[in-house]
Amino acid sequence: MGYGSQAMTNGFTSFMRALVVAALLLATATLMFVAVATAKAAGALAIGSCGAYGEAHDYPSVADARAGATAQCQASGGCKVVAVTKKGCAAYAVDFSNPCKAQGWGKGAKLGRAQNEALKGCYTAGGKECVIRTFFCDAKG
C-alpha cells in the first residue's frame, strides 16, 4: 500500500466519523423536538349558553387545559368543560339561526370525527342550520 492509499483511508475514516456524529446530533435534536411537542398535548373545550365557548389546546396538563378553557368562556350562566383531549381534536357546533337553542360538541382522534360528532349533536338537539363554531386539535391530533 502506497502513501496515497493511506491518505485516502484516513480521509475516508474522518469523513465517516463526521457522518456518524452528524447523524447522532440529528437524532438527538429529533428526540428533543418530539418530547417538547408531546409534553404539550392536552386540550379542553368549555361551552356555555347562546354559543359561548372557550378552548384551550397544547397545554402541558389536562388541569391547565380545563382552567384555560373555562377562563376563556364568557357566558352569563357560566360554562362547563364538555371535552378534554390528549393528542386529539374537539369541535363545537351551534344552530346558525338560533345559537341559544341547539348546540353540540364532539371529540376524536382526528378533526373530521370531532366535527361530525358536534354537528350530529346539534341536529339531535333540534338544530335546523347547524354550523361549526370552533374546533381545535392539540399536539399530534
C-alpha atoms as a PDB file:
ATOM      1  CA  MET A   1       0.000   0.000   0.000  1.00  0.00           C
ATOM      2  CA  GLY A   2       1.428   3.337  -1.007  1.00  0.00           C
ATOM      3  CA  TYR A   3       1.240   6.739   0.646  1.00  0.00           C
ATOM      4  CA  GLY A   4      -1.782   7.755  -1.484  1.00  0.00           C
ATOM      5  CA  SER A   5      -3.826   4.762  -0.306  1.00  0.00           C
ATOM      6  CA  GLN A   6      -3.097   5.530   3.348  1.00  0.00           C
ATOM      7  CA  ALA A   7      -4.143   9.177   2.907  1.00  0.00           C
ATOM      8  CA  MET A   8      -7.340   8.060   1.168  1.00  0.00           C
ATOM      9  CA  THR A   9      -8.167   5.644   4.007  1.00  0.00           C
ATOM     10  CA  ASN A  10      -7.527   8.310   6.685  1.00  0.00           C
ATOM     11  CA  GLY A  11      -9.674  10.798   4.780  1.00  0.00           C
ATOM     12  CA  PHE A  12     -12.464   8.270   4.399  1.00  0.00           C
ATOM     13  CA  THR A  13     -12.327   7.397   8.124  1.00  0.00           C
ATOM     14  CA  SER A  14     -12.534  11.075   9.097  1.00  0.00           C
ATOM     15  CA  PHE A  15     -15.499  11.531   6.767  1.00  0.00           C
ATOM     16  CA  MET A  16     -17.278   8.519   8.266  1.00  0.00           C
ATOM     17  CA  ARG A  17     -16.689   9.782  11.801  1.00  0.00           C
ATOM     18  CA  ALA A  18     -18.116  13.176  10.882  1.00  0.00           C
ATOM     19  CA  LEU A  19     -21.104  11.497   9.246  1.00  0.00           C
ATOM     20  CA  VAL A  20     -21.808   9.395  12.363  1.00  0.00           C
ATOM     21  CA  VAL A  21     -21.535  12.458  14.630  1.00  0.00           C
ATOM     22  CA  ALA A  22     -23.906  14.417  12.379  1.00  0.00           C
ATOM     23  CA  ALA A  23     -26.410  11.539  12.409  1.00  0.00           C
ATOM     24  CA  LEU A  24     -26.279  11.324  16.207  1.00  0.00           C
ATOM     25  CA  LEU A  25     -26.799  15.077  16.553  1.00  0.00           C
ATOM     26  CA  LEU A  26     -29.790  14.930  14.203  1.00  0.00           C
ATOM     27  CA  ALA A  27     -31.301  12.012  16.132  1.00  0.00           C
ATOM     28  CA  THR A  28     -30.859  13.854  19.440  1.00  0.00           C
ATOM     29  CA  ALA A  29     -32.477  17.018  18.074  1.00  0.00           C
ATOM     30  CA  THR A  30     -35.411  14.995  16.707  1.00  0.00           C
ATOM     31  CA  LEU A  31     -35.989  13.285  20.061  1.00  0.00           C
ATOM     32  CA  MET A  32     -35.899  16.629  21.862  1.00  0.00           C
ATOM     33  CA  PHE A  33     -38.465  18.094  19.438  1.00  0.00           C
ATOM     34  CA  VAL A  34     -40.786  15.117  19.875  1.00  0.00           C
ATOM     35  CA  ALA A  35     -40.501  15.312  23.666  1.00  0.00           C
ATOM     36  CA  VAL A  36     -41.405  19.025  23.670  1.00  0.00           C
ATOM     37  CA  ALA A  37     -44.323  18.544  21.264  1.00  0.00           C
ATOM     38  CA  THR A  38     -45.670  15.575  23.217  1.00  0.00           C
ATOM     39  CA  ALA A  39     -45.343  17.379  26.539  1.00  0.00           C
ATOM     40  CA  LYS A  40     -47.893  19.945  25.396  1.00  0.00           C
ATOM     41  CA  ALA A  41     -50.643  17.604  24.349  1.00  0.00           C
ATOM     42  CA  ALA A  42     -53.726  18.414  26.434  1.00  0.00           C
ATOM     43  CA  GLY A  43     -56.781  20.366  25.386  1.00  0.00           C
ATOM     44  CA  ALA A  44     -60.245  21.233  26.669  1.00  0.00           C
ATOM     45  CA  LEU A  45     -63.498  22.683  25.334  1.00  0.00           C
ATOM     46  CA  ALA A  46     -65.893  24.575  27.609  1.00  0.00           C
ATOM     47  CA  ILE A  47     -69.354  25.679  26.483  1.00  0.00           C
ATOM     48  CA  GLY A  48     -71.998  27.983  27.884  1.00  0.00           C
ATOM     49  CA  SER A  49     -75.320  29.394  26.783  1.00  0.00           C
ATOM     50  CA  CYS A  50     -76.069  31.072  23.450  1.00  0.00           C
ATOM     51  CA  GLY A  51     -72.935  29.938  21.638  1.00  0.00           C
ATOM     52  CA  ALA A  52     -70.408  30.953  24.293  1.00  0.00           C
ATOM     53  CA  TYR A  53     -67.312  28.790  24.371  1.00  0.00           C
ATOM     54  CA  GLY A  54     -63.716  28.625  25.493  1.00  0.00           C
ATOM     55  CA  GLU A  55     -60.992  26.439  24.117  1.00  0.00           C
ATOM     56  CA  ALA A  56     -57.523  25.526  25.261  1.00  0.00           C
ATOM     57  CA  HIS A  57     -55.089  23.364  23.347  1.00  0.00           C
ATOM     58  CA  ASP A  58     -51.450  22.315  23.582  1.00  0.00           C
ATOM     59  CA  TYR A  59     -51.395  22.790  27.354  1.00  0.00           C
ATOM     60  CA  PRO A  60     -48.925  20.824  29.488  1.00  0.00           C
ATOM     61  CA  SER A  61     -51.666  19.138  31.554  1.00  0.00           C
ATOM     62  CA  VAL A  62     -55.390  18.394  31.458  1.00  0.00           C
ATOM     63  CA  ALA A  63     -55.933  20.521  34.582  1.00  0.00           C
ATOM     64  CA  ASP A  64     -54.255  23.514  32.919  1.00  0.00           C
ATOM     65  CA  ALA A  65     -56.299  22.993  29.735  1.00  0.00           C
ATOM     66  CA  ARG A  66     -59.564  22.837  31.745  1.00  0.00           C
ATOM     67  CA  ALA A  67     -58.683  26.047  33.575  1.00  0.00           C
ATOM     68  CA  GLY A  68     -57.724  27.788  30.328  1.00  0.00           C
ATOM     69  CA  ALA A  69     -60.920  26.805  28.526  1.00  0.00           C
ATOM     70  CA  THR A  70     -63.127  27.804  31.458  1.00  0.00           C
ATOM     71  CA  ALA A  71     -61.373  31.171  31.809  1.00  0.00           C
ATOM     72  CA  GLN A  72     -61.807  31.886  28.101  1.00  0.00           C
ATOM     73  CA  CYS A  73     -65.527  31.034  28.078  1.00  0.00           C
ATOM     74  CA  GLN A  74     -67.683  34.011  28.964  1.00  0.00           C
ATOM     75  CA  ALA A  75     -71.341  33.159  29.453  1.00  0.00           C
ATOM     76  CA  SER A  76     -73.774  34.785  31.861  1.00  0.00           C
ATOM     77  CA  GLY A  77     -74.882  31.401  33.212  1.00  0.00           C
ATOM     78  CA  GLY A  78     -71.362  30.030  33.464  1.00  0.00           C
ATOM     79  CA  CYS A  79     -69.555  27.471  31.364  1.00  0.00           C
ATOM     80  CA  LYS A  80     -68.744  23.806  31.765  1.00  0.00           C
ATOM     81  CA  VAL A  81     -65.973  21.717  30.281  1.00  0.00           C
ATOM     82  CA  VAL A  82     -67.556  19.181  27.915  1.00  0.00           C
ATOM     83  CA  ALA A  83     -64.498  17.705  26.216  1.00  0.00           C
ATOM     84  CA  VAL A  84     -60.929  17.004  27.243  1.00  0.00           C
ATOM     85  CA  THR A  85     -58.369  15.844  24.699  1.00  0.00           C
ATOM     86  CA  LYS A  86     -54.929  14.331  24.881  1.00  0.00           C
ATOM     87  CA  LYS A  87     -53.382  14.323  21.420  1.00  0.00           C
ATOM     88  CA  GLY A  88     -56.791  14.753  19.806  1.00  0.00           C
ATOM     89  CA  CYS A  89     -59.366  17.172  18.463  1.00  0.00           C
ATOM     90  CA  ALA A  90     -62.599  18.783  19.646  1.00  0.00           C
ATOM     91  CA  ALA A  91     -65.342  20.779  17.907  1.00  0.00           C
ATOM     92  CA  TYR A  92     -68.407  22.803  18.902  1.00  0.00           C
ATOM     93  CA  ALA A  93     -71.472  23.392  16.718  1.00  0.00           C
ATOM     94  CA  VAL A  94     -74.476  25.700  17.139  1.00  0.00           C
ATOM     95  CA  ASP A  95     -77.695  26.341  15.235  1.00  0.00           C
ATOM     96  CA  PHE A  96     -76.856  29.286  12.983  1.00  0.00           C
ATOM     97  CA  SER A  97     -80.411  30.634  13.024  1.00  0.00           C
ATOM     98  CA  ASN A  98     -80.690  30.425  16.834  1.00  0.00           C
ATOM     99  CA  PRO A  99     -77.419  29.822  18.715  1.00  0.00           C
ATOM    100  CA  CYS A 100     -79.303  29.922  22.048  1.00  0.00           C
ATOM    101  CA  LYS A 101     -81.308  26.837  21.066  1.00  0.00           C
ATOM    102  CA  ALA A 102     -79.383  23.819  19.797  1.00  0.00           C
ATOM    103  CA  GLN A 103     -75.717  23.033  20.233  1.00  0.00           C
ATOM    104  CA  GLY A 104     -73.470  20.008  20.062  1.00  0.00           C
ATOM    105  CA  TRP A 105     -69.874  19.073  20.693  1.00  0.00           C
ATOM    106  CA  GLY A 106     -67.582  16.238  19.832  1.00  0.00           C
ATOM    107  CA  LYS A 107     -64.065  14.960  20.258  1.00  0.00           C
ATOM    108  CA  GLY A 108     -61.967  12.429  18.443  1.00  0.00           C
ATOM    109  CA  ALA A 109     -58.521  11.378  17.366  1.00  0.00           C
ATOM    110  CA  LYS A 110     -58.968  13.300  14.094  1.00  0.00           C
ATOM    111  CA  LEU A 111     -60.686  16.601  13.299  1.00  0.00           C
ATOM    112  CA  GLY A 112     -63.298  15.158  10.921  1.00  0.00           C
ATOM    113  CA  ARG A 113     -64.695  12.848  13.581  1.00  0.00           C
ATOM    114  CA  ALA A 114     -64.893  15.641  16.173  1.00  0.00           C
ATOM    115  CA  GLN A 115     -66.718  17.940  13.736  1.00  0.00           C
ATOM    116  CA  ASN A 116     -69.138  15.194  12.677  1.00  0.00           C
ATOM    117  CA  GLU A 117     -69.993  14.433  16.308  1.00  0.00           C
ATOM    118  CA  ALA A 118     -70.545  18.137  17.041  1.00  0.00           C
ATOM    119  CA  LEU A 119     -72.884  18.575  14.070  1.00  0.00           C
ATOM    120  CA  LYS A 120     -74.758  15.374  14.882  1.00  0.00           C
ATOM    121  CA  GLY A 121     -75.261  16.557  18.471  1.00  0.00           C
ATOM    122  CA  CYS A 122     -76.552  19.922  17.290  1.00  0.00           C
ATOM    123  CA  TYR A 123     -79.070  18.371  14.886  1.00  0.00           C
ATOM    124  CA  THR A 124     -80.128  15.827  17.520  1.00  0.00           C
ATOM    125  CA  ALA A 125     -80.822  18.734  19.903  1.00  0.00           C
ATOM    126  CA  GLY A 126     -83.246  20.207  17.341  1.00  0.00           C
ATOM    127  CA  GLY A 127     -80.956  22.430  15.298  1.00  0.00           C
ATOM    128  CA  LYS A 128     -82.045  23.292  11.758  1.00  0.00           C
ATOM    129  CA  GLU A 129     -78.935  25.052  10.404  1.00  0.00           C
ATOM    130  CA  CYS A 130     -76.057  23.703  12.462  1.00  0.00           C
ATOM    131  CA  VAL A 131     -72.568  25.064  11.805  1.00  0.00           C
ATOM    132  CA  ILE A 132     -69.175  24.515  13.406  1.00  0.00           C
ATOM    133  CA  ARG A 133     -68.495  27.472  15.719  1.00  0.00           C
ATOM    134  CA  THR A 134     -64.987  26.406  16.738  1.00  0.00           C
ATOM    135  CA  PHE A 135     -62.589  23.489  16.564  1.00  0.00           C
ATOM    136  CA  PHE A 136     -59.044  22.640  17.575  1.00  0.00           C
ATOM    137  CA  CYS A 137     -56.518  19.846  17.596  1.00  0.00           C
ATOM    138  CA  ASP A 138     -53.763  19.690  20.176  1.00  0.00           C
ATOM    139  CA  ALA A 139     -50.299  18.310  19.573  1.00  0.00           C
ATOM    140  CA  LYS A 140     -50.379  15.240  17.322  1.00  0.00           C
ATOM    141  CA  GLY A 141     -54.142  15.458  16.927  1.00  0.00           C
END
